[in-house]
Amino acid sequence: MKPVRKIIDDRKISVYPCTAENAPVVYSPTYAENGKALLDCCKTLGCPDFHLVTISELDWNADLSPWAAPSVVTDNDGFAGNAGEFTEFIRESVIPYAESITGAPSYRIIAGYSMAGLYALYAPYITDIFTKSVCASGSVWYEGFVDFAEKNKFVRRPDCIYLSLGDMESRTKNPVLSQTESCMDRLYHSYSQFGIPTIFEMNKGNHYKNAVLRLGKGIAWSLRN
């Protein structure tokens, strides 16, 4: 079916409904709208049917950051810590609109790449609306996040968590970004110790290589678990 799109609060919501009844919905905040490419990738990977909802035209670093933090990549990264407000936007505006089109889902997955991957891990600590989390090449180096994740309880414990990175992502002179793999490894062991089915997959390349494929692999794994 063709996507249905709407602008809500200056953000673009793109709904890609499937024809299966009670299929799960994958919600994916994305830097640039990439729903068709992601669906094509998931089809190639043999994914079960699902509805896809992408949320784009975001204030990327502000909307997806869990709390205010210093800049890491540029002189002004804008990590304003607005993830709580963004979650309410999804609950109050995105879900009612999207699921008026898809119908009630069997469950919801939150799936993201980079800062959106970080958000996919943070969201279950502050909301019960998602059942599974996909963090592909997530920004888990974010100041204080690993400590937060290890010490706090979920509002809704995820049924499964997918983690991935590129094997070149931590090979950088940036002292914060160089810790990405060790941070992800800590999260993997922490979630596993909580008894949550969790996988940590390494991919070839740096942060920018095969982003759609990495996200698609996470969605495929989550749908099968």
Foldseek 3Di string as FASTA:
>chain_A
DAWDWDQDPNKIKIKAADDDPQAEEEEEEDADDDVVVLVVLLVVVVFDDYIYIYIYPDLQQCCLAQDDDADQPDNPNPNHRNVVVNLVCCVPPVVVVRCVPHPHHNFYEYFYEASSLVSQLVVQQPDDRHQEGEREQYPLLTPPNLVCLLPGDGPHQHQAYEAEFEPCQLVDPRPSSVCSVVSVVSNQVSSVVVVHHYDYYYHHDYRPPPRSNRRSVRSRVVSVD
